[in-house]
Amino acid sequence: MALVVVGSAKGGTAATTVALGLAGAAAVRGGPEVVLLEADSSGGDLELDFDVPAASGLVALAAAARRGGMTSVLLRAHAQLLSSGVRAVHAPVAFGQARTALEALEPLWRADQFEDLLVVADVGALTTSRATELVSLADVVVLASGGSRVQLTHTADAIGVILAPTVAVAVTGECAYGPEEIVAHLDATDCALLPHDPLSAAVLRGARVPKRAGQWRRAAARFPLLHAVSELGTRLESHLPASKVPDPDPAGTAWPARTGAGPEPLASALAALEH
């Protein structure tokens, strides 16, 4: 069905948390089966966060795909149900094992493998990724970014080389720029300002996770980070292949309020990229 890739221009910007939120929210909205693919060559987090067996996941998927080719059936077979209700193929914690598995899988990815699935792939930092083919096949790329001028400049640079038709930015931490300004000057499709919300982040990473769809919806309404990620996923649905429909009110997007007067205009901060 579709491939959503979540990553960052540089590491340490909560890409895994964003990927978990997008996958969880999509699963409870209904539609195609959702599989979260942890494809971070620096090593995975899900194995420790959710206490899943180290021997399964990405390494086993790579071994099976080398023998018989990659299929959606194979992806399903190697996905484990996390306590969050998300089915995930987790990467090993050791970066060497993760990198080896991803290098083996790199030539095996094809767009038709995702026809009956919604795959949310967490590729980590794009600068060190061994999942460049996944990025090139993506229908939507979501870049997690810090909110500082420097971090957004790195994100703008990454957007410039991404070929996906839809690129969204999920901003974590304090940000003096409004989403409209970020969308305009980073040439992005969408932007979500994700609030500081440790409780929601803990839920997404395996602590006291809602186990039913109704609990997910109540959590998304109660906790601001869950709500913001869920709303971003809802907006991005129209950009996925099987659900592309015209926006009935493209001017009516309810952007979050700007968090202050802001420092130097973002356009000036990014001007160096044009020279």
C-alpha atoms as a PDB file:
ATOM      1  CA  MET A   1       0.000   0.000   0.000  1.00  0.00           C
ATOM      2  CA  ALA A   2       2.437   2.678   1.140  1.00  0.00           C
ATOM      3  CA  LEU A   3       5.799   3.411   2.699  1.00  0.00           C
ATOM      4  CA  VAL A   4       6.352   6.178   5.234  1.00  0.00           C
ATOM      5  CA  VAL A   5      10.004   6.746   6.159  1.00  0.00           C
ATOM      6  CA  VAL A   6      10.874   8.530   9.404  1.00  0.00           C
ATOM      7  CA  GLY A   7      14.399   9.823   9.896  1.00  0.00           C
ATOM      8  CA  SER A   8      16.451  12.877  10.709  1.00  0.00           C
ATOM      9  CA  ALA A   9      19.214  14.960   9.189  1.00  0.00           C
ATOM     10  CA  LYS A  10      21.328  14.130  12.243  1.00  0.00           C
ATOM     11  CA  GLY A  11      20.731  11.754  15.143  1.00  0.00           C
ATOM     12  CA  GLY A  12      19.139  12.389  18.529  1.00  0.00           C
ATOM     13  CA  THR A  13      15.895  14.045  17.407  1.00  0.00           C
ATOM     14  CA  ALA A  14      13.277  11.508  18.587  1.00  0.00           C
ATOM     15  CA  ALA A  15      12.747   9.851  15.185  1.00  0.00           C
ATOM     16  CA  THR A  16      11.915   6.507  16.831  1.00  0.00           C
ATOM     17  CA  THR A  17       9.315   8.131  19.093  1.00  0.00           C
ATOM     18  CA  VAL A  18       7.721   9.819  16.070  1.00  0.00           C
ATOM     19  CA  ALA A  19       7.731   6.537  14.121  1.00  0.00           C
ATOM     20  CA  LEU A  20       6.089   4.673  17.017  1.00  0.00           C
ATOM     21  CA  GLY A  21       3.429   7.376  17.268  1.00  0.00           C
ATOM     22  CA  LEU A  22       2.649   7.406  13.543  1.00  0.00           C
ATOM     23  CA  ALA A  23       2.442   3.598  13.387  1.00  0.00           C
ATOM     24  CA  GLY A  24       0.282   3.336  16.502  1.00  0.00           C
ATOM     25  CA  ALA A  25      -2.124   6.052  15.406  1.00  0.00           C
ATOM     26  CA  ALA A  26      -2.435   4.556  11.902  1.00  0.00           C
ATOM     27  CA  ALA A  27      -3.178   1.118  13.350  1.00  0.00           C
ATOM     28  CA  VAL A  28      -6.151   2.351  15.354  1.00  0.00           C
ATOM     29  CA  ARG A  29      -7.551   4.490  12.530  1.00  0.00           C
ATOM     30  CA  GLY A  30      -8.141   1.312  10.526  1.00  0.00           C
ATOM     31  CA  GLY A  31      -7.271   0.619   6.910  1.00  0.00           C
ATOM     32  CA  PRO A  32      -4.297  -1.455   5.776  1.00  0.00           C
ATOM     33  CA  GLU A  33      -2.233  -3.516   8.175  1.00  0.00           C
ATOM     34  CA  VAL A  34       0.573  -1.462   9.717  1.00  0.00           C
ATOM     35  CA  VAL A  35       4.135  -2.729  10.217  1.00  0.00           C
ATOM     36  CA  LEU A  36       6.824  -0.652  11.897  1.00  0.00           C
ATOM     37  CA  LEU A  37      10.244  -1.433  10.414  1.00  0.00           C
ATOM     38  CA  GLU A  38      13.222  -0.402  12.536  1.00  0.00           C
ATOM     39  CA  ALA A  39      15.876   0.205   9.882  1.00  0.00           C
ATOM     40  CA  ASP A  40      18.372   2.287  11.842  1.00  0.00           C
ATOM     41  CA  SER A  41      21.952   1.268  11.013  1.00  0.00           C
ATOM     42  CA  SER A  42      23.214   2.728  14.290  1.00  0.00           C
ATOM     43  CA  GLY A  43      21.304   0.026  16.196  1.00  0.00           C
ATOM     44  CA  GLY A  44      17.746  -0.370  17.380  1.00  0.00           C
ATOM     45  CA  ASP A  45      15.879   0.747  20.492  1.00  0.00           C
ATOM     46  CA  LEU A  46      12.770  -1.435  20.363  1.00  0.00           C
ATOM     47  CA  GLU A  47      14.519  -4.611  21.538  1.00  0.00           C
ATOM     48  CA  LEU A  48      15.317  -3.038  24.914  1.00  0.00           C
ATOM     49  CA  ASP A  49      12.271  -0.766  25.177  1.00  0.00           C
ATOM     50  CA  PHE A  50       9.830  -3.638  24.635  1.00  0.00           C
ATOM     51  CA  ASP A  51      11.954  -6.623  25.742  1.00  0.00           C
ATOM     52  CA  VAL A  52      11.623  -8.541  22.473  1.00  0.00           C
ATOM     53  CA  PRO A  53      13.888 -11.509  21.589  1.00  0.00           C
ATOM     54  CA  ALA A  54      17.236 -10.448  20.164  1.00  0.00           C
ATOM     55  CA  ALA A  55      17.389 -13.368  17.699  1.00  0.00           C
ATOM     56  CA  SER A  56      14.287 -12.329  15.766  1.00  0.00           C
ATOM     57  CA  GLY A  57      13.481  -9.175  13.826  1.00  0.00           C
ATOM     58  CA  LEU A  58      15.678  -7.495  11.239  1.00  0.00           C
ATOM     59  CA  VAL A  59      18.523 -10.021  11.309  1.00  0.00           C
ATOM     60  CA  ALA A  60      16.173 -12.964  10.761  1.00  0.00           C
ATOM     61  CA  LEU A  61      14.315 -11.011   8.063  1.00  0.00           C
ATOM     62  CA  ALA A  62      17.566 -10.362   6.185  1.00  0.00           C
ATOM     63  CA  ALA A  63      18.544 -14.039   6.329  1.00  0.00           C
ATOM     64  CA  ALA A  64      15.150 -15.178   5.042  1.00  0.00           C
ATOM     65  CA  ALA A  65      15.038 -12.508   2.305  1.00  0.00           C
ATOM     66  CA  ARG A  66      18.464 -13.511   0.997  1.00  0.00           C
ATOM     67  CA  ARG A  67      17.148 -17.039   0.514  1.00  0.00           C
ATOM     68  CA  GLY A  68      13.757 -16.346  -1.021  1.00  0.00           C
ATOM     69  CA  GLY A  69      13.440 -12.644  -1.787  1.00  0.00           C
ATOM     70  CA  MET A  70      11.557  -9.918   0.082  1.00  0.00           C
ATOM     71  CA  THR A  71       7.750 -10.040   0.200  1.00  0.00           C
ATOM     72  CA  SER A  72       5.021  -8.505   2.333  1.00  0.00           C
ATOM     73  CA  VAL A  73       4.336 -12.007   3.680  1.00  0.00           C
ATOM     74  CA  LEU A  74       7.934 -12.149   4.918  1.00  0.00           C
ATOM     75  CA  LEU A  75       7.647  -8.724   6.559  1.00  0.00           C
ATOM     76  CA  ARG A  76       4.510  -9.826   8.379  1.00  0.00           C
ATOM     77  CA  ALA A  77       6.105 -13.078   9.503  1.00  0.00           C
ATOM     78  CA  HIS A  78       9.027 -11.265  11.141  1.00  0.00           C
ATOM     79  CA  ALA A  79       6.969  -8.545  12.834  1.00  0.00           C
ATOM     80  CA  GLN A  80       6.258  -8.981  16.524  1.00  0.00           C
ATOM     81  CA  LEU A  81       3.347  -7.476  18.418  1.00  0.00           C
ATOM     82  CA  LEU A  82       4.673  -4.872  20.841  1.00  0.00           C
ATOM     83  CA  SER A  83       2.893  -4.012  24.063  1.00  0.00           C
ATOM     84  CA  SER A  84       1.765  -0.793  22.362  1.00  0.00           C
ATOM     85  CA  GLY A  85      -0.329  -2.818  19.910  1.00  0.00           C
ATOM     86  CA  VAL A  86       2.045  -2.012  17.018  1.00  0.00           C
ATOM     87  CA  ARG A  87       3.524  -4.852  14.964  1.00  0.00           C
ATOM     88  CA  ALA A  88       7.239  -4.203  14.470  1.00  0.00           C
ATOM     89  CA  VAL A  89      10.357  -5.687  12.895  1.00  0.00           C
ATOM     90  CA  HIS A  90      13.028  -4.580  15.357  1.00  0.00           C
ATOM     91  CA  ALA A  91      16.709  -3.979  14.695  1.00  0.00           C
ATOM     92  CA  PRO A  92      19.455  -5.452  16.879  1.00  0.00           C
ATOM     93  CA  VAL A  93      20.955  -3.139  19.487  1.00  0.00           C
ATOM     94  CA  ALA A  94      24.503  -3.668  18.180  1.00  0.00           C
ATOM     95  CA  PHE A  95      25.178  -1.249  15.324  1.00  0.00           C
ATOM     96  CA  GLY A  96      27.401  -3.746  13.507  1.00  0.00           C
ATOM     97  CA  GLN A  97      24.654  -6.351  13.319  1.00  0.00           C
ATOM     98  CA  ALA A  98      22.069  -3.732  12.321  1.00  0.00           C
ATOM     99  CA  ARG A  99      24.300  -2.352   9.577  1.00  0.00           C
ATOM    100  CA  THR A 100      25.084  -5.818   8.189  1.00  0.00           C
ATOM    101  CA  ALA A 101      21.401  -6.757   8.071  1.00  0.00           C
ATOM    102  CA  LEU A 102      20.434  -3.498   6.350  1.00  0.00           C
ATOM    103  CA  GLU A 103      23.239  -3.807   3.804  1.00  0.00           C
ATOM    104  CA  ALA A 104      21.961  -7.299   2.937  1.00  0.00           C
ATOM    105  CA  LEU A 105      18.404  -5.978   2.551  1.00  0.00           C
ATOM    106  CA  GLU A 106      19.318  -2.824   0.595  1.00  0.00           C
ATOM    107  CA  PRO A 107      19.244  -4.389  -2.923  1.00  0.00           C
ATOM    108  CA  LEU A 108      16.087  -6.394  -2.154  1.00  0.00           C
ATOM    109  CA  TRP A 109      13.582  -3.580  -1.545  1.00  0.00           C
ATOM    110  CA  ARG A 110      10.962  -2.906  -4.237  1.00  0.00           C
ATOM    111  CA  ALA A 111       7.901  -0.686  -4.266  1.00  0.00           C
ATOM    112  CA  ASP A 112       5.480  -3.572  -4.939  1.00  0.00           C
ATOM    113  CA  GLN A 113       6.431  -5.181  -1.603  1.00  0.00           C
ATOM    114  CA  PHE A 114       4.255  -2.637   0.210  1.00  0.00           C
ATOM    115  CA  GLU A 115       1.070  -2.912  -1.855  1.00  0.00           C
ATOM    116  CA  ASP A 116      -1.079  -4.430   0.914  1.00  0.00           C
ATOM    117  CA  LEU A 117       0.708  -2.875   3.897  1.00  0.00           C
ATOM    118  CA  LEU A 118       1.386   0.484   5.442  1.00  0.00           C
ATOM    119  CA  VAL A 119       5.060   0.267   6.401  1.00  0.00           C
ATOM    120  CA  VAL A 120       6.483   2.923   8.724  1.00  0.00           C
ATOM    121  CA  ALA A 121      10.288   2.646   8.493  1.00  0.00           C
ATOM    122  CA  ASP A 122      12.499   4.309  11.109  1.00  0.00           C
ATOM    123  CA  VAL A 123      15.850   4.838   9.339  1.00  0.00           C
ATOM    124  CA  GLY A 124      17.535   7.050  11.952  1.00  0.00           C
ATOM    125  CA  ALA A 125      20.052   9.644  10.807  1.00  0.00           C
ATOM    126  CA  LEU A 126      20.100   9.987   7.015  1.00  0.00           C
ATOM    127  CA  THR A 127      23.797  10.856   7.050  1.00  0.00           C
ATOM    128  CA  THR A 128      24.732   7.360   8.278  1.00  0.00           C
ATOM    129  CA  SER A 129      21.770   5.373   6.972  1.00  0.00           C
ATOM    130  CA  ARG A 130      22.176   2.020   5.243  1.00  0.00           C
ATOM    131  CA  ALA A 131      18.539   2.200   4.105  1.00  0.00           C
ATOM    132  CA  THR A 132      18.871   4.663   1.233  1.00  0.00           C
ATOM    133  CA  GLU A 133      16.737   2.498  -1.061  1.00  0.00           C
ATOM    134  CA  LEU A 134      13.853   2.693   1.417  1.00  0.00           C
ATOM    135  CA  VAL A 135      14.178   6.478   1.425  1.00  0.00           C
ATOM    136  CA  SER A 136      14.124   6.545  -2.391  1.00  0.00           C
ATOM    137  CA  LEU A 137      10.963   4.371  -2.473  1.00  0.00           C
ATOM    138  CA  ALA A 138       9.085   6.349   0.192  1.00  0.00           C
ATOM    139  CA  ASP A 139       5.698   7.896  -0.545  1.00  0.00           C
ATOM    140  CA  VAL A 140       6.115  10.160   2.490  1.00  0.00           C
ATOM    141  CA  VAL A 141       9.259  11.101   4.420  1.00  0.00           C
ATOM    142  CA  VAL A 142       8.922  12.569   7.921  1.00  0.00           C
ATOM    143  CA  LEU A 143      12.057  14.270   9.226  1.00  0.00           C
ATOM    144  CA  ALA A 144      12.359  14.707  12.977  1.00  0.00           C
ATOM    145  CA  SER A 145      14.244  17.890  13.762  1.00  0.00           C
ATOM    146  CA  GLY A 146      15.177  20.040  16.687  1.00  0.00           C
ATOM    147  CA  GLY A 147      13.699  23.512  16.659  1.00  0.00           C
ATOM    148  CA  SER A 148      16.852  25.620  16.653  1.00  0.00           C
ATOM    149  CA  ARG A 149      18.020  27.598  13.647  1.00  0.00           C
ATOM    150  CA  VAL A 150      21.036  25.315  13.199  1.00  0.00           C
ATOM    151  CA  GLN A 151      18.991  22.110  13.429  1.00  0.00           C
ATOM    152  CA  LEU A 152      16.378  23.362  10.984  1.00  0.00           C
ATOM    153  CA  THR A 153      19.147  24.376   8.579  1.00  0.00           C
ATOM    154  CA  HIS A 154      20.477  20.795   8.620  1.00  0.00           C
ATOM    155  CA  THR A 155      16.929  19.548   8.024  1.00  0.00           C
ATOM    156  CA  ALA A 156      16.477  21.922   5.078  1.00  0.00           C
ATOM    157  CA  ASP A 157      19.698  20.591   3.570  1.00  0.00           C
ATOM    158  CA  ALA A 158      18.394  17.009   3.904  1.00  0.00           C
ATOM    159  CA  ILE A 159      15.066  17.909   2.298  1.00  0.00           C
ATOM    160  CA  GLY A 160      16.957  19.245  -0.711  1.00  0.00           C
ATOM    161  CA  VAL A 161      18.220  15.773  -1.647  1.00  0.00           C
ATOM    162  CA  ILE A 162      15.119  13.702  -0.792  1.00  0.00           C
ATOM    163  CA  LEU A 163      13.149  12.564  -3.843  1.00  0.00           C
ATOM    164  CA  ALA A 164       9.913  11.623  -2.031  1.00  0.00           C
ATOM    165  CA  PRO A 165       6.858  13.551  -3.272  1.00  0.00           C
ATOM    166  CA  THR A 166       5.830  14.441   0.286  1.00  0.00           C
ATOM    167  CA  VAL A 167       8.204  15.544   3.047  1.00  0.00           C
ATOM    168  CA  ALA A 168       6.963  16.590   6.477  1.00  0.00           C
ATOM    169  CA  VAL A 169       8.913  17.979   9.422  1.00  0.00           C
ATOM    170  CA  ALA A 170       8.236  16.976  13.041  1.00  0.00           C
ATOM    171  CA  VAL A 171       9.896  19.540  15.289  1.00  0.00           C
ATOM    172  CA  THR A 172      10.850  18.568  18.838  1.00  0.00           C
ATOM    173  CA  GLY A 173      11.981  20.878  21.600  1.00  0.00           C
ATOM    174  CA  GLU A 174      11.653  24.634  21.767  1.00  0.00           C
ATOM    175  CA  CYS A 175      11.082  26.366  18.452  1.00  0.00           C
ATOM    176  CA  ALA A 176      10.681  30.076  17.862  1.00  0.00           C
ATOM    177  CA  TYR A 177       9.398  29.575  14.301  1.00  0.00           C
ATOM    178  CA  GLY A 178       5.832  28.897  13.279  1.00  0.00           C
ATOM    179  CA  PRO A 179       4.890  25.853  11.189  1.00  0.00           C
ATOM    180  CA  GLU A 180       3.851  28.000   8.217  1.00  0.00           C
ATOM    181  CA  GLU A 181       7.307  29.598   8.154  1.00  0.00           C
ATOM    182  CA  ILE A 182       9.023  26.203   8.410  1.00  0.00           C
ATOM    183  CA  VAL A 183       6.909  24.719   5.607  1.00  0.00           C
ATOM    184  CA  ALA A 184       7.544  27.694   3.349  1.00  0.00           C
ATOM    185  CA  HIS A 185      11.281  28.043   3.810  1.00  0.00           C
ATOM    186  CA  LEU A 186      12.199  24.360   4.102  1.00  0.00           C
ATOM    187  CA  ASP A 187      10.047  23.507   1.055  1.00  0.00           C
ATOM    188  CA  ALA A 188       8.166  20.919   3.125  1.00  0.00           C
ATOM    189  CA  THR A 189       4.619  19.636   2.723  1.00  0.00           C
ATOM    190  CA  ASP A 190       3.637  19.758   6.390  1.00  0.00           C
ATOM    191  CA  CYS A 191       5.040  20.592   9.793  1.00  0.00           C
ATOM    192  CA  ALA A 192       4.079  19.530  13.312  1.00  0.00           C
ATOM    193  CA  LEU A 193       5.436  21.207  16.424  1.00  0.00           C
ATOM    194  CA  LEU A 194       5.679  18.388  18.955  1.00  0.00           C
ATOM    195  CA  PRO A 195       5.360  19.542  22.560  1.00  0.00           C
ATOM    196  CA  HIS A 196       7.624  18.474  25.393  1.00  0.00           C
ATOM    197  CA  ASP A 197       5.593  15.664  26.949  1.00  0.00           C
ATOM    198  CA  PRO A 198       7.646  13.024  28.815  1.00  0.00           C
ATOM    199  CA  LEU A 199       4.559  11.016  29.748  1.00  0.00           C
ATOM    200  CA  SER A 200       3.469  10.563  26.129  1.00  0.00           C
ATOM    201  CA  ALA A 201       7.046   9.739  25.126  1.00  0.00           C
ATOM    202  CA  ALA A 202       7.191   7.067  27.842  1.00  0.00           C
ATOM    203  CA  VAL A 203       3.904   5.590  26.626  1.00  0.00           C
ATOM    204  CA  LEU A 204       5.222   5.398  23.074  1.00  0.00           C
ATOM    205  CA  ARG A 205       8.460   3.784  24.256  1.00  0.00           C
ATOM    206  CA  GLY A 206       6.738   0.987  26.173  1.00  0.00           C
ATOM    207  CA  ALA A 207       5.592   2.316  29.548  1.00  0.00           C
ATOM    208  CA  ARG A 208       1.897   1.968  30.472  1.00  0.00           C
ATOM    209  CA  VAL A 209       0.891   1.664  26.842  1.00  0.00           C
ATOM    210  CA  PRO A 210      -2.833   1.690  25.956  1.00  0.00           C
ATOM    211  CA  LYS A 211      -3.699  -1.776  24.662  1.00  0.00           C
ATOM    212  CA  ARG A 212      -7.004  -1.072  22.942  1.00  0.00           C
ATOM    213  CA  ALA A 213      -8.013   1.300  20.193  1.00  0.00           C
ATOM    214  CA  GLY A 214     -10.327   3.221  22.503  1.00  0.00           C
ATOM    215  CA  GLN A 215      -7.521   3.707  25.016  1.00  0.00           C
ATOM    216  CA  TRP A 216      -5.226   4.945  22.248  1.00  0.00           C
ATOM    217  CA  ARG A 217      -7.809   7.528  21.219  1.00  0.00           C
ATOM    218  CA  ARG A 218      -8.326   8.714  24.796  1.00  0.00           C
ATOM    219  CA  ALA A 219      -4.564   8.918  25.297  1.00  0.00           C
ATOM    220  CA  ALA A 220      -4.147  10.920  22.083  1.00  0.00           C
ATOM    221  CA  ALA A 221      -6.780  13.387  23.282  1.00  0.00           C
ATOM    222  CA  ARG A 222      -5.290  13.665  26.773  1.00  0.00           C
ATOM    223  CA  PHE A 223      -1.550  13.744  26.085  1.00  0.00           C
ATOM    224  CA  PRO A 224      -0.312  16.513  23.761  1.00  0.00           C
ATOM    225  CA  LEU A 225       2.553  14.630  22.098  1.00  0.00           C
ATOM    226  CA  LEU A 226       0.354  11.662  21.202  1.00  0.00           C
ATOM    227  CA  HIS A 227      -2.280  14.064  19.913  1.00  0.00           C
ATOM    228  CA  ALA A 228       0.195  16.047  17.786  1.00  0.00           C
ATOM    229  CA  VAL A 229       1.718  12.950  16.170  1.00  0.00           C
ATOM    230  CA  SER A 230      -1.727  11.472  15.534  1.00  0.00           C
ATOM    231  CA  GLU A 231      -2.899  14.694  13.888  1.00  0.00           C
ATOM    232  CA  LEU A 232       0.201  14.767  11.672  1.00  0.00           C
ATOM    233  CA  GLY A 233      -0.494  11.187  10.577  1.00  0.00           C
ATOM    234  CA  THR A 234      -4.082  12.053   9.756  1.00  0.00           C
ATOM    235  CA  ARG A 235      -3.004  14.980   7.580  1.00  0.00           C
ATOM    236  CA  LEU A 236      -0.422  12.858   5.759  1.00  0.00           C
ATOM    237  CA  GLU A 237      -2.938  10.106   4.915  1.00  0.00           C
ATOM    238  CA  SER A 238      -4.146  12.043   1.875  1.00  0.00           C
ATOM    239  CA  HIS A 239      -0.620  11.828   0.415  1.00  0.00           C
ATOM    240  CA  LEU A 240      -0.483   8.018   0.487  1.00  0.00           C
ATOM    241  CA  PRO A 241      -1.105   6.219  -2.826  1.00  0.00           C
ATOM    242  CA  ALA A 242      -4.402   4.485  -2.048  1.00  0.00           C
ATOM    243  CA  SER A 243      -5.996   7.515  -0.418  1.00  0.00           C
ATOM    244  CA  LYS A 244      -4.954  10.545  -2.443  1.00  0.00           C
ATOM    245  CA  VAL A 245      -7.947  12.853  -2.471  1.00  0.00           C
ATOM    246  CA  PRO A 246      -8.154  16.620  -2.992  1.00  0.00           C
ATOM    247  CA  ASP A 247      -8.040  18.682   0.175  1.00  0.00           C
ATOM    248  CA  PRO A 248     -11.511  20.248   0.431  1.00  0.00           C
ATOM    249  CA  ASP A 249     -10.097  23.223   2.317  1.00  0.00           C
ATOM    250  CA  PRO A 250      -6.355  23.578   1.708  1.00  0.00           C
ATOM    251  CA  ALA A 251      -6.329  27.002   3.324  1.00  0.00           C
ATOM    252  CA  GLY A 252      -8.041  25.790   6.474  1.00  0.00           C
ATOM    253  CA  THR A 253      -5.167  23.898   8.096  1.00  0.00           C
ATOM    254  CA  ALA A 254      -5.207  24.498  11.846  1.00  0.00           C
ATOM    255  CA  TRP A 255      -1.525  25.215  12.494  1.00  0.00           C
ATOM    256  CA  PRO A 256      -0.359  25.369  16.113  1.00  0.00           C
ATOM    257  CA  ALA A 257       0.292  28.850  17.438  1.00  0.00           C
ATOM    258  CA  ARG A 258       3.750  30.333  17.091  1.00  0.00           C
ATOM    259  CA  THR A 259       5.682  30.188  20.357  1.00  0.00           C
ATOM    260  CA  GLY A 260       7.076  33.699  20.419  1.00  0.00           C
ATOM    261  CA  ALA A 261       8.286  36.549  18.293  1.00  0.00           C
ATOM    262  CA  GLY A 262      11.242  34.483  17.151  1.00  0.00           C
ATOM    263  CA  PRO A 263      14.871  35.335  16.446  1.00  0.00           C
ATOM    264  CA  GLU A 264      16.275  36.069  13.002  1.00  0.00           C
ATOM    265  CA  PRO A 265      13.703  35.201  10.293  1.00  0.00           C
ATOM    266  CA  LEU A 266      14.032  31.602   9.162  1.00  0.00           C
ATOM    267  CA  ALA A 267      14.398  32.672   5.534  1.00  0.00           C
ATOM    268  CA  SER A 268      17.561  34.607   6.429  1.00  0.00           C
ATOM    269  CA  ALA A 269      18.896  31.716   8.496  1.00  0.00           C
ATOM    270  CA  LEU A 270      18.543  29.362   5.540  1.00  0.00           C
ATOM    271  CA  ALA A 271      19.880  31.768   2.933  1.00  0.00           C
ATOM    272  CA  ALA A 272      23.326  30.215   3.099  1.00  0.00           C
ATOM    273  CA  LEU A 273      21.963  27.048   1.521  1.00  0.00           C
ATOM    274  CA  GLU A 274      21.163  28.955  -1.661  1.00  0.00           C
ATOM    275  CA  HIS A 275      24.746  30.066  -2.231  1.00  0.00           C
END
